[in-house]
Amino acid sequence: MSAVINRAKQHYSKVLVFESLFILGFCLVVLIYNVTMAFSLLAGMSAAYLPHCLLVFFS
């Protein structure tokens, strides 16, 4: 059972890194078009994504 939980945590950590890189990349693309909107988007996505990270990784 412990091996399954450890593999799931490794998988979730890789997915969380991928998602965070995707969010940063998307914000960089938006930054090219509109600076104010990019920072608002980054703040909004962070507000939703950080609690998600805490719930997924530490549960």
PDB file of N, CA and C in Angstrom:
ATOM      1  N   MET A   1       0.829  -1.197   0.000  1.00  0.00           N
ATOM      2  CA  MET A   1       0.000   0.000   0.000  1.00  0.00           C
ATOM      3  C   MET A   1       0.869   1.255   0.000  1.00  0.00           C
ATOM      4  N   SER A   2       1.935   1.245   0.751  1.00  0.00           N
ATOM      5  CA  SER A   2       2.795   2.412   0.833  1.00  0.00           C
ATOM      6  C   SER A   2       3.466   2.705  -0.508  1.00  0.00           C
ATOM      7  N   ALA A   3       3.826   1.663  -1.250  1.00  0.00           N
ATOM      8  CA  ALA A   3       4.453   1.856  -2.557  1.00  0.00           C
ATOM      9  C   ALA A   3       3.484   2.515  -3.530  1.00  0.00           C
ATOM     10  N   VAL A   4       2.232   2.149  -3.452  1.00  0.00           N
ATOM     11  CA  VAL A   4       1.216   2.742  -4.330  1.00  0.00           C
ATOM     12  C   VAL A   4       1.025   4.217  -3.992  1.00  0.00           C
ATOM     13  N   ILE A   5       0.994   4.546  -2.733  1.00  0.00           N
ATOM     14  CA  ILE A   5       0.823   5.940  -2.317  1.00  0.00           C
ATOM     15  C   ILE A   5       2.030   6.768  -2.723  1.00  0.00           C
ATOM     16  N   ASN A   6       3.227   6.225  -2.562  1.00  0.00           N
ATOM     17  CA  ASN A   6       4.435   6.954  -2.956  1.00  0.00           C
ATOM     18  C   ASN A   6       4.489   7.182  -4.467  1.00  0.00           C
ATOM     19  N   ARG A   7       4.087   6.200  -5.259  1.00  0.00           N
ATOM     20  CA  ARG A   7       4.054   6.392  -6.714  1.00  0.00           C
ATOM     21  C   ARG A   7       3.014   7.420  -7.108  1.00  0.00           C
ATOM     22  N   ALA A   8       1.883   7.427  -6.434  1.00  0.00           N
ATOM     23  CA  ALA A   8       0.850   8.417  -6.733  1.00  0.00           C
ATOM     24  C   ALA A   8       1.341   9.825  -6.397  1.00  0.00           C
ATOM     25  N   LYS A   9       2.032   9.977  -5.285  1.00  0.00           N
ATOM     26  CA  LYS A   9       2.583  11.288  -4.922  1.00  0.00           C
ATOM     27  C   LYS A   9       3.628  11.751  -5.929  1.00  0.00           C
ATOM     28  N   GLN A  10       4.461  10.833  -6.418  1.00  0.00           N
ATOM     29  CA  GLN A  10       5.441  11.187  -7.440  1.00  0.00           C
ATOM     30  C   GLN A  10       4.736  11.636  -8.722  1.00  0.00           C
ATOM     31  N   HIS A  11       3.698  10.920  -9.086  1.00  0.00           N
ATOM     32  CA  HIS A  11       2.937  11.274 -10.285  1.00  0.00           C
ATOM     33  C   HIS A  11       2.282  12.640 -10.118  1.00  0.00           C
ATOM     34  N   TYR A  12       1.661  12.882  -8.981  1.00  0.00           N
ATOM     35  CA  TYR A  12       1.009  14.163  -8.732  1.00  0.00           C
ATOM     36  C   TYR A  12       2.020  15.310  -8.716  1.00  0.00           C
ATOM     37  N   SER A  13       3.196  15.078  -8.182  1.00  0.00           N
ATOM     38  CA  SER A  13       4.190  16.152  -8.153  1.00  0.00           C
ATOM     39  C   SER A  13       4.646  16.496  -9.567  1.00  0.00           C
ATOM     40  N   LYS A  14       4.802  15.514 -10.433  1.00  0.00           N
ATOM     41  CA  LYS A  14       5.155  15.789 -11.825  1.00  0.00           C
ATOM     42  C   LYS A  14       4.045  16.552 -12.536  1.00  0.00           C
ATOM     43  N   VAL A  15       2.816  16.179 -12.283  1.00  0.00           N
ATOM     44  CA  VAL A  15       1.682  16.861 -12.907  1.00  0.00           C
ATOM     45  C   VAL A  15       1.564  18.295 -12.404  1.00  0.00           C
ATOM     46  N   LEU A  16       1.792  18.514 -11.115  1.00  0.00           N
ATOM     47  CA  LEU A  16       1.722  19.870 -10.572  1.00  0.00           C
ATOM     48  C   LEU A  16       2.808  20.767 -11.160  1.00  0.00           C
ATOM     49  N   VAL A  17       3.999  20.223 -11.377  1.00  0.00           N
ATOM     50  CA  VAL A  17       5.063  21.002 -12.006  1.00  0.00           C
ATOM     51  C   VAL A  17       4.677  21.339 -13.440  1.00  0.00           C
ATOM     52  N   PHE A  18       4.132  20.367 -14.165  1.00  0.00           N
ATOM     53  CA  PHE A  18       3.702  20.612 -15.543  1.00  0.00           C
ATOM     54  C   PHE A  18       2.615  21.682 -15.595  1.00  0.00           C
ATOM     55  N   GLU A  19       1.639  21.595 -14.704  1.00  0.00           N
ATOM     56  CA  GLU A  19       0.563  22.585 -14.683  1.00  0.00           C
ATOM     57  C   GLU A  19       1.086  23.976 -14.354  1.00  0.00           C
ATOM     58  N   SER A  20       2.012  24.076 -13.418  1.00  0.00           N
ATOM     59  CA  SER A  20       2.547  25.391 -13.070  1.00  0.00           C
ATOM     60  C   SER A  20       3.358  25.977 -14.226  1.00  0.00           C
ATOM     61  N   LEU A  21       4.112  25.150 -14.943  1.00  0.00           N
ATOM     62  CA  LEU A  21       4.837  25.638 -16.117  1.00  0.00           C
ATOM     63  C   LEU A  21       3.873  26.080 -17.217  1.00  0.00           C
ATOM     64  N   PHE A  22       2.775  25.367 -17.367  1.00  0.00           N
ATOM     65  CA  PHE A  22       1.765  25.741 -18.358  1.00  0.00           C
ATOM     66  C   PHE A  22       1.141  27.090 -18.009  1.00  0.00           C
ATOM     67  N   ILE A  23       0.825  27.293 -16.740  1.00  0.00           N
ATOM     68  CA  ILE A  23       0.241  28.568 -16.304  1.00  0.00           C
ATOM     69  C   ILE A  23       1.216  29.717 -16.537  1.00  0.00           C
ATOM     70  N   LEU A  24       2.480  29.520 -16.184  1.00  0.00           N
ATOM     71  CA  LEU A  24       3.480  30.570 -16.402  1.00  0.00           C
ATOM     72  C   LEU A  24       3.685  30.851 -17.886  1.00  0.00           C
ATOM     73  N   GLY A  25       3.702  29.811 -18.698  1.00  0.00           N
ATOM     74  CA  GLY A  25       3.839  30.002 -20.137  1.00  0.00           C
ATOM     75  C   GLY A  25       2.663  30.748 -20.732  1.00  0.00           C
ATOM     76  N   PHE A  26       1.471  30.398 -20.286  1.00  0.00           N
ATOM     77  CA  PHE A  26       0.274  31.089 -20.769  1.00  0.00           C
ATOM     78  C   PHE A  26       0.292  32.560 -20.367  1.00  0.00           C
ATOM     79  N   CYS A  27       0.735  32.833 -19.153  1.00  0.00           N
ATOM     80  CA  CYS A  27       0.824  34.222 -18.704  1.00  0.00           C
ATOM     81  C   CYS A  27       1.886  34.991 -19.482  1.00  0.00           C
ATOM     82  N   LEU A  28       2.962  34.330 -19.861  1.00  0.00           N
ATOM     83  CA  LEU A  28       3.981  34.993 -20.676  1.00  0.00           C
ATOM     84  C   LEU A  28       3.447  35.339 -22.061  1.00  0.00           C
ATOM     85  N   VAL A  29       2.630  34.464 -22.623  1.00  0.00           N
ATOM     86  CA  VAL A  29       2.011  34.756 -23.921  1.00  0.00           C
ATOM     87  C   VAL A  29       1.065  35.944 -23.796  1.00  0.00           C
ATOM     88  N   VAL A  30       0.277  35.978 -22.742  1.00  0.00           N
ATOM     89  CA  VAL A  30      -0.645  37.093 -22.524  1.00  0.00           C
ATOM     90  C   VAL A  30       0.136  38.370 -22.233  1.00  0.00           C
ATOM     91  N   LEU A  31       1.296  38.241 -21.598  1.00  0.00           N
ATOM     92  CA  LEU A  31       2.133  39.398 -21.287  1.00  0.00           C
ATOM     93  C   LEU A  31       2.561  40.143 -22.553  1.00  0.00           C
ATOM     94  N   ILE A  32       2.731  39.418 -23.633  1.00  0.00           N
ATOM     95  CA  ILE A  32       3.098  40.051 -24.898  1.00  0.00           C
ATOM     96  C   ILE A  32       1.992  40.990 -25.371  1.00  0.00           C
ATOM     97  N   TYR A  33       0.747  40.608 -25.159  1.00  0.00           N
ATOM     98  CA  TYR A  33      -0.378  41.402 -25.645  1.00  0.00           C
ATOM     99  C   TYR A  33      -0.797  42.513 -24.695  1.00  0.00           C
ATOM    100  N   ASN A  34      -0.846  42.207 -23.409  1.00  0.00           N
ATOM    101  CA  ASN A  34      -1.356  43.192 -22.460  1.00  0.00           C
ATOM    102  C   ASN A  34      -0.732  42.922 -21.088  1.00  0.00           C
ATOM    103  N   VAL A  35       0.066  43.863 -20.609  1.00  0.00           N
ATOM    104  CA  VAL A  35       0.804  43.663 -19.364  1.00  0.00           C
ATOM    105  C   VAL A  35      -0.142  43.616 -18.167  1.00  0.00           C
ATOM    106  N   THR A  36      -1.070  44.518 -18.109  1.00  0.00           N
ATOM    107  CA  THR A  36      -1.994  44.574 -16.965  1.00  0.00           C
ATOM    108  C   THR A  36      -2.839  43.311 -16.879  1.00  0.00           C
ATOM    109  N   MET A  37      -3.319  42.851 -18.014  1.00  0.00           N
ATOM    110  CA  MET A  37      -4.144  41.654 -18.022  1.00  0.00           C
ATOM    111  C   MET A  37      -3.320  40.427 -17.612  1.00  0.00           C
ATOM    112  N   ALA A  38      -2.047  40.378 -17.974  1.00  0.00           N
ATOM    113  CA  ALA A  38      -1.208  39.227 -17.623  1.00  0.00           C
ATOM    114  C   ALA A  38      -1.029  39.121 -16.115  1.00  0.00           C
ATOM    115  N   PHE A  39      -0.795  40.235 -15.445  1.00  0.00           N
ATOM    116  CA  PHE A  39      -0.630  40.179 -13.993  1.00  0.00           C
ATOM    117  C   PHE A  39      -1.944  39.844 -13.291  1.00  0.00           C
ATOM    118  N   SER A  40      -3.046  40.345 -13.812  1.00  0.00           N
ATOM    119  CA  SER A  40      -4.347  39.984 -13.248  1.00  0.00           C
ATOM    120  C   SER A  40      -4.634  38.506 -13.449  1.00  0.00           C
ATOM    121  N   LEU A  41      -4.296  38.003 -14.623  1.00  0.00           N
ATOM    122  CA  LEU A  41      -4.502  36.591 -14.913  1.00  0.00           C
ATOM    123  C   LEU A  41      -3.631  35.716 -14.021  1.00  0.00           C
ATOM    124  N   LEU A  42      -2.381  36.113 -13.849  1.00  0.00           N
ATOM    125  CA  LEU A  42      -1.478  35.350 -12.988  1.00  0.00           C
ATOM    126  C   LEU A  42      -1.958  35.343 -11.537  1.00  0.00           C
ATOM    127  N   ALA A  43      -2.440  36.476 -11.066  1.00  0.00           N
ATOM    128  CA  ALA A  43      -2.956  36.538  -9.690  1.00  0.00           C
ATOM    129  C   ALA A  43      -4.204  35.667  -9.529  1.00  0.00           C
ATOM    130  N   GLY A  44      -5.089  35.718 -10.499  1.00  0.00           N
ATOM    131  CA  GLY A  44      -6.304  34.902 -10.429  1.00  0.00           C
ATOM    132  C   GLY A  44      -6.019  33.418 -10.517  1.00  0.00           C
ATOM    133  N   MET A  45      -5.130  33.053 -11.430  1.00  0.00           N
ATOM    134  CA  MET A  45      -4.790  31.633 -11.557  1.00  0.00           C
ATOM    135  C   MET A  45      -4.055  31.125 -10.325  1.00  0.00           C
ATOM    136  N   SER A  46      -3.212  31.951  -9.744  1.00  0.00           N
ATOM    137  CA  SER A  46      -2.504  31.549  -8.528  1.00  0.00           C
ATOM    138  C   SER A  46      -3.465  31.374  -7.365  1.00  0.00           C
ATOM    139  N   ALA A  47      -4.457  32.240  -7.286  1.00  0.00           N
ATOM    140  CA  ALA A  47      -5.435  32.140  -6.201  1.00  0.00           C
ATOM    141  C   ALA A  47      -6.231  30.841  -6.284  1.00  0.00           C
ATOM    142  N   ALA A  48      -6.438  30.341  -7.483  1.00  0.00           N
ATOM    143  CA  ALA A  48      -7.172  29.083  -7.630  1.00  0.00           C
ATOM    144  C   ALA A  48      -6.238  27.875  -7.607  1.00  0.00           C
ATOM    145  N   TYR A  49      -5.008  28.050  -8.074  1.00  0.00           N
ATOM    146  CA  TYR A  49      -4.107  26.913  -8.244  1.00  0.00           C
ATOM    147  C   TYR A  49      -3.380  26.521  -6.959  1.00  0.00           C
ATOM    148  N   LEU A  50      -3.005  27.478  -6.148  1.00  0.00           N
ATOM    149  CA  LEU A  50      -2.259  27.149  -4.929  1.00  0.00           C
ATOM    150  C   LEU A  50      -3.066  26.318  -3.939  1.00  0.00           C
ATOM    151  N   PRO A  51      -4.331  26.629  -3.681  1.00  0.00           N
ATOM    152  CA  PRO A  51      -5.107  25.722  -2.818  1.00  0.00           C
ATOM    153  C   PRO A  51      -5.273  24.330  -3.431  1.00  0.00           C
ATOM    154  N   HIS A  52      -5.379  24.281  -4.770  1.00  0.00           N
ATOM    155  CA  HIS A  52      -5.455  23.000  -5.444  1.00  0.00           C
ATOM    156  C   HIS A  52      -4.196  22.173  -5.182  1.00  0.00           C
ATOM    157  N   CYS A  53      -3.040  22.817  -5.265  1.00  0.00           N
ATOM    158  CA  CYS A  53      -1.761  22.132  -4.989  1.00  0.00           C
ATOM    159  C   CYS A  53      -1.724  21.602  -3.570  1.00  0.00           C
ATOM    160  N   LEU A  54      -2.162  22.400  -2.631  1.00  0.00           N
ATOM    161  CA  LEU A  54      -2.144  21.971  -1.242  1.00  0.00           C
ATOM    162  C   LEU A  54      -3.080  20.794  -1.009  1.00  0.00           C
ATOM    163  N   LEU A  55      -4.257  20.828  -1.592  1.00  0.00           N
ATOM    164  CA  LEU A  55      -5.209  19.749  -1.395  1.00  0.00           C
ATOM    165  C   LEU A  55      -4.755  18.471  -2.069  1.00  0.00           C
ATOM    166  N   VAL A  56      -4.193  18.567  -3.254  1.00  0.00           N
ATOM    167  CA  VAL A  56      -3.792  17.375  -3.989  1.00  0.00           C
ATOM    168  C   VAL A  56      -2.547  16.740  -3.381  1.00  0.00           C
ATOM    169  N   PHE A  57      -1.544  17.560  -3.088  1.00  0.00           N
ATOM    170  CA  PHE A  57      -0.272  16.996  -2.673  1.00  0.00           C
ATOM    171  C   PHE A  57      -0.262  16.556  -1.212  1.00  0.00           C
ATOM    172  N   PHE A  58      -0.952  17.270  -0.341  1.00  0.00           N
ATOM    173  CA  PHE A  58      -0.880  16.952   1.080  1.00  0.00           C
ATOM    174  C   PHE A  58      -2.044  16.133   1.590  1.00  0.00           C
ATOM    175  N   SER A  59      -2.898  15.667   0.720  1.00  0.00           N
ATOM    176  CA  SER A  59      -4.006  14.839   1.215  1.00  0.00           C
ATOM    177  C   SER A  59      -3.697  13.375   1.067  1.00  0.00           C
TER     178      SER A  59
END
